[in-house]
Each structure stands twice: as C-alpha cells, then as structure tokens.
Amino acid sequence: MIARQLIPAIILLALLGLSHGLAYWSGQSAERQDQQLAAVTRERDDNAAINDLQQQLRRAETAAASRLLTAETRYQKGLADVQAQKDRILAAHTAGTARLSVPVKAASCTATSPAANLAGDGADPAPRAELSDTAVGFLVGLAAEADAVAVELNRCAARVEVNERLLIKEEGS
C-alpha cells in the first residue's frame, strides 16, 4: 500500500524534474541564442569597421597615386624644359645670336683699334672675353645637369611629401 501512495509522489517528482529540466534547457537555449546574436552583431560591426577602413585606405592610396602622378608629370616636364633651354642656348650660340663671355681684367684686354675704344683712355669700360664653343658647350651642359639635379630633388621632395601624408592618414585611422 505504501508503494501505491508513493507512485503519485514519484510521478509528481518526475514531472517536476522534467519541467525543471525543460525550463533549464529552454533558458540555456535562449542564452546561447543571445550569445550567438551578440557574436553575429559584433562580427557585423567589425566587418563594417574593416570595410570603412579599407575604403579610407583606398581613397588615401588613390589620392597618393594621383599626387605621385602629378609629381612625375611635373618631373618629366621639368627635365624636358631643362633640355629645351640647353638646346636653345646652344643653338643661339651656334647661330651667333647669343654670345657668352666672361669679364676680364682691363689691363689684359686692350683695344686694337681706336674705334673699339669707347672710353677714349686706352681701356675698355667693360672688357670681356668671348667663350669658345667647347667652353660654352661644357658650361651650358654643366648648368643643365645642375638644373636636372634640382628637378630630381623636387621630385624626391614631392614623393616624400606624398608618403608622409599617406603615413599620417594610416596612423590616424
């Protein structure tokens, strides 16, 4: 008889245990879903942040490439201008439309004819010696090389500036 009285209590305990088990499993499932939702939300936010940073980097790289292209174009134009100026000076010298000369001491250069002596006292007011074709070629070539070096230095400075801007943007991101 006692066993018959215990059967409803055992059934009640089993049902209570089963309901607590279901409640625990349901709560655990809800907690797991909340954690998964939080993880998915974090991943979405992280991916959005990564995409934003990648777009910023692409824009910065595009701007840097544009500035480098501008600097390279300016460099090529500068070299062409240097060469054109050199050619123009040498052509003018060869044609006789431009004379290159250097000042000399008055005593070392005397006028051979009285018509050439404008001062009238035996000394040319501004005695000059004209340079030979070889000397003109050398000096104009040397000046062109110096100008080309200046153009190259400007190119290097432009590249450094572009790289510094790009690094500052990357560090700021």
Protein backbone atom coordinates (compact mmCIF):
# COMPACT_ATOMS: atom_id res chain seq x y z
CA MET A 1 0.00 0.00 0.00
CA ILE A 2 2.72 2.38 0.71
CA ALA A 3 4.00 1.77 -2.77
CA ARG A 4 0.64 2.81 -4.17
CA GLN A 5 0.76 6.02 -2.19
CA LEU A 6 4.31 6.73 -3.36
CA ILE A 7 3.52 6.31 -7.06
CA PRO A 8 1.69 9.67 -7.38
CA ALA A 9 4.53 11.39 -5.46
CA ILE A 10 7.14 9.76 -7.70
CA ILE A 11 5.16 10.76 -10.78
CA LEU A 12 4.83 14.30 -9.40
CA LEU A 13 8.57 14.44 -8.69
CA ALA A 14 9.32 13.12 -12.19
CA LEU A 15 7.03 15.71 -13.74
CA LEU A 16 8.61 18.47 -11.61
CA GLY A 17 12.08 17.25 -12.60
CA LEU A 18 11.06 17.11 -16.23
CA SER A 19 9.56 20.62 -16.11
CA HIS A 20 12.71 21.99 -14.40
CA GLY A 21 14.85 20.21 -17.00
CA LEU A 22 12.80 21.70 -19.82
CA ALA A 23 12.97 25.15 -18.24
CA TYR A 24 16.75 24.82 -17.79
CA TRP A 25 17.20 23.62 -21.36
CA SER A 26 14.95 26.43 -22.64
CA GLY A 27 16.90 29.04 -20.66
CA GLN A 28 20.20 27.62 -21.80
CA SER A 29 18.97 27.67 -25.40
CA ALA A 30 17.82 31.28 -25.05
CA GLU A 31 21.16 32.25 -23.50
CA ARG A 32 23.02 30.51 -26.32
CA GLN A 33 20.89 32.35 -28.88
CA ASP A 34 21.60 35.68 -27.15
CA GLN A 35 25.33 34.95 -27.22
CA GLN A 36 25.15 33.96 -30.88
CA LEU A 37 23.20 37.12 -31.68
CA ALA A 38 25.77 39.22 -29.81
CA ALA A 39 28.61 37.46 -31.65
CA VAL A 40 26.93 37.99 -35.03
CA THR A 41 26.30 41.67 -34.18
CA ARG A 42 29.95 42.13 -33.12
CA GLU A 43 31.14 40.42 -36.29
CA ARG A 44 28.86 42.60 -38.44
CA ASP A 45 30.09 45.76 -36.69
CA ASP A 46 33.71 44.63 -37.01
CA ASN A 47 33.24 43.88 -40.70
CA ALA A 48 31.64 47.29 -41.23
CA ALA A 49 34.57 48.96 -39.46
CA ILE A 50 37.04 46.97 -41.56
CA ASN A 51 35.21 47.93 -44.75
CA ASP A 52 35.21 51.60 -43.73
CA LEU A 53 38.95 51.49 -43.01
CA GLN A 54 39.63 49.72 -46.29
CA GLN A 55 37.65 52.37 -48.18
CA GLN A 56 39.53 55.14 -46.39
CA LEU A 57 42.81 53.45 -47.26
CA ARG A 58 41.77 53.05 -50.90
CA ARG A 59 40.82 56.74 -51.07
CA ALA A 60 44.14 57.72 -49.47
CA GLU A 61 46.06 55.45 -51.86
CA THR A 62 44.16 56.85 -54.84
CA ALA A 63 44.92 60.41 -53.74
CA ALA A 64 48.57 59.49 -53.15
CA ALA A 65 48.81 57.85 -56.58
CA SER A 66 47.29 60.95 -58.13
CA ARG A 67 49.79 63.20 -56.33
CA LEU A 68 52.65 60.91 -57.39
CA LEU A 69 51.45 61.01 -60.99
CA THR A 70 51.28 64.80 -60.83
CA ALA A 71 54.80 64.93 -59.37
CA GLU A 72 56.08 62.53 -62.03
CA THR A 73 54.47 64.59 -64.79
CA ARG A 74 55.99 67.75 -63.32
CA TYR A 75 59.37 65.97 -63.17
CA GLN A 76 59.21 64.86 -66.81
CA LYS A 77 58.17 68.38 -67.88
CA GLY A 78 60.99 69.86 -65.80
CA LEU A 79 63.56 67.59 -67.47
CA ALA A 80 62.16 68.45 -70.89
CA ASP A 81 62.31 72.17 -70.04
CA VAL A 82 65.94 71.82 -68.91
CA GLN A 83 66.87 70.05 -72.14
CA ALA A 84 64.94 72.58 -74.24
CA GLN A 85 66.65 75.50 -72.51
CA LYS A 86 70.07 73.89 -73.02
CA ASP A 87 69.32 73.26 -76.71
CA ARG A 88 68.00 76.83 -77.12
CA ILE A 89 71.14 78.38 -75.61
CA LEU A 90 73.48 76.19 -77.65
CA ALA A 91 71.51 76.88 -80.86
CA ALA A 92 71.57 80.63 -80.19
CA HIS A 93 75.32 80.48 -79.58
CA THR A 94 75.91 78.44 -82.74
CA ALA A 95 73.75 80.84 -84.78
CA GLY A 96 75.64 83.80 -83.33
CA THR A 97 72.54 85.44 -81.85
CA ALA A 98 73.81 84.96 -78.32
CA ARG A 99 77.37 85.41 -77.17
CA LEU A 100 78.65 84.01 -73.94
CA SER A 101 81.55 85.84 -72.40
CA VAL A 102 83.33 86.38 -69.09
CA PRO A 103 84.72 89.60 -67.63
CA VAL A 104 88.50 90.00 -67.81
CA LYS A 105 90.93 92.40 -66.21
CA ALA A 106 91.19 95.72 -68.00
CA ALA A 107 94.94 95.53 -68.35
CA SER A 108 94.88 92.13 -70.00
CA CYS A 109 92.50 93.16 -72.77
CA THR A 110 93.46 96.28 -74.74
CA ALA A 111 91.61 97.62 -77.73
CA THR A 112 93.47 97.19 -81.00
CA SER A 113 91.72 99.98 -82.83
CA PRO A 114 90.73 103.44 -81.62
CA ALA A 115 87.16 102.84 -82.81
CA ALA A 116 86.83 99.92 -80.42
CA ASN A 117 87.95 102.09 -77.51
CA LEU A 118 84.77 103.76 -76.40
CA ALA A 119 86.21 105.27 -73.23
CA GLY A 120 89.00 107.05 -75.09
CA ASP A 121 91.56 106.41 -72.36
CA GLY A 122 93.01 103.18 -73.71
CA ALA A 123 90.86 100.89 -71.57
CA ASP A 124 87.58 99.21 -72.49
CA PRO A 125 84.95 100.20 -69.88
CA ALA A 126 83.79 96.59 -69.61
CA PRO A 127 86.37 94.30 -71.12
CA ARG A 128 85.04 90.79 -71.81
CA ALA A 129 86.38 87.66 -73.40
CA GLU A 130 84.07 85.55 -75.51
CA LEU A 131 83.97 81.83 -74.66
CA SER A 132 84.97 79.18 -77.15
CA ASP A 133 82.41 76.71 -78.50
CA THR A 134 83.91 73.96 -76.32
CA ALA A 135 83.72 76.10 -73.18
CA VAL A 136 80.14 77.14 -73.98
CA GLY A 137 79.14 73.50 -74.52
CA PHE A 138 80.77 72.48 -71.26
CA LEU A 139 79.31 75.30 -69.16
CA VAL A 140 75.80 75.05 -70.63
CA GLY A 141 75.91 71.26 -70.17
CA LEU A 142 77.06 71.69 -66.57
CA ALA A 143 74.29 74.19 -65.89
CA ALA A 144 71.75 71.81 -67.47
CA GLU A 145 72.99 68.98 -65.25
CA ALA A 146 72.60 71.20 -62.18
CA ASP A 147 69.09 72.14 -63.28
CA ALA A 148 68.25 68.44 -63.81
CA VAL A 149 69.50 67.67 -60.30
CA ALA A 150 67.26 70.42 -58.91
CA VAL A 151 64.30 68.95 -60.81
CA GLU A 152 65.16 65.48 -59.43
CA LEU A 153 65.37 66.87 -55.88
CA ASN A 154 61.94 68.47 -56.30
CA ARG A 155 60.65 65.08 -57.48
CA CYS A 156 62.11 63.39 -54.39
CA ALA A 157 60.62 66.04 -52.11
CA ALA A 158 57.20 65.53 -53.70
CA ARG A 159 57.46 61.75 -53.17
CA VAL A 160 58.45 62.21 -49.53
CA GLU A 161 55.51 64.57 -49.01
CA VAL A 162 53.09 62.05 -50.54
CA ASN A 163 54.47 59.24 -48.39
CA GLU A 164 54.28 61.36 -45.24
CA ARG A 165 50.66 62.27 -45.96
CA LEU A 166 49.81 58.61 -46.54
CA LEU A 167 51.53 57.54 -43.32
CA ILE A 168 49.78 60.26 -41.33
CA LYS A 169 46.40 59.11 -42.69
CA GLU A 170 47.22 55.46 -41.88
CA GLU A 171 48.30 56.34 -38.34
CA GLY A 172 45.20 58.46 -37.84
CA SER A 173 42.89 55.63 -38.89
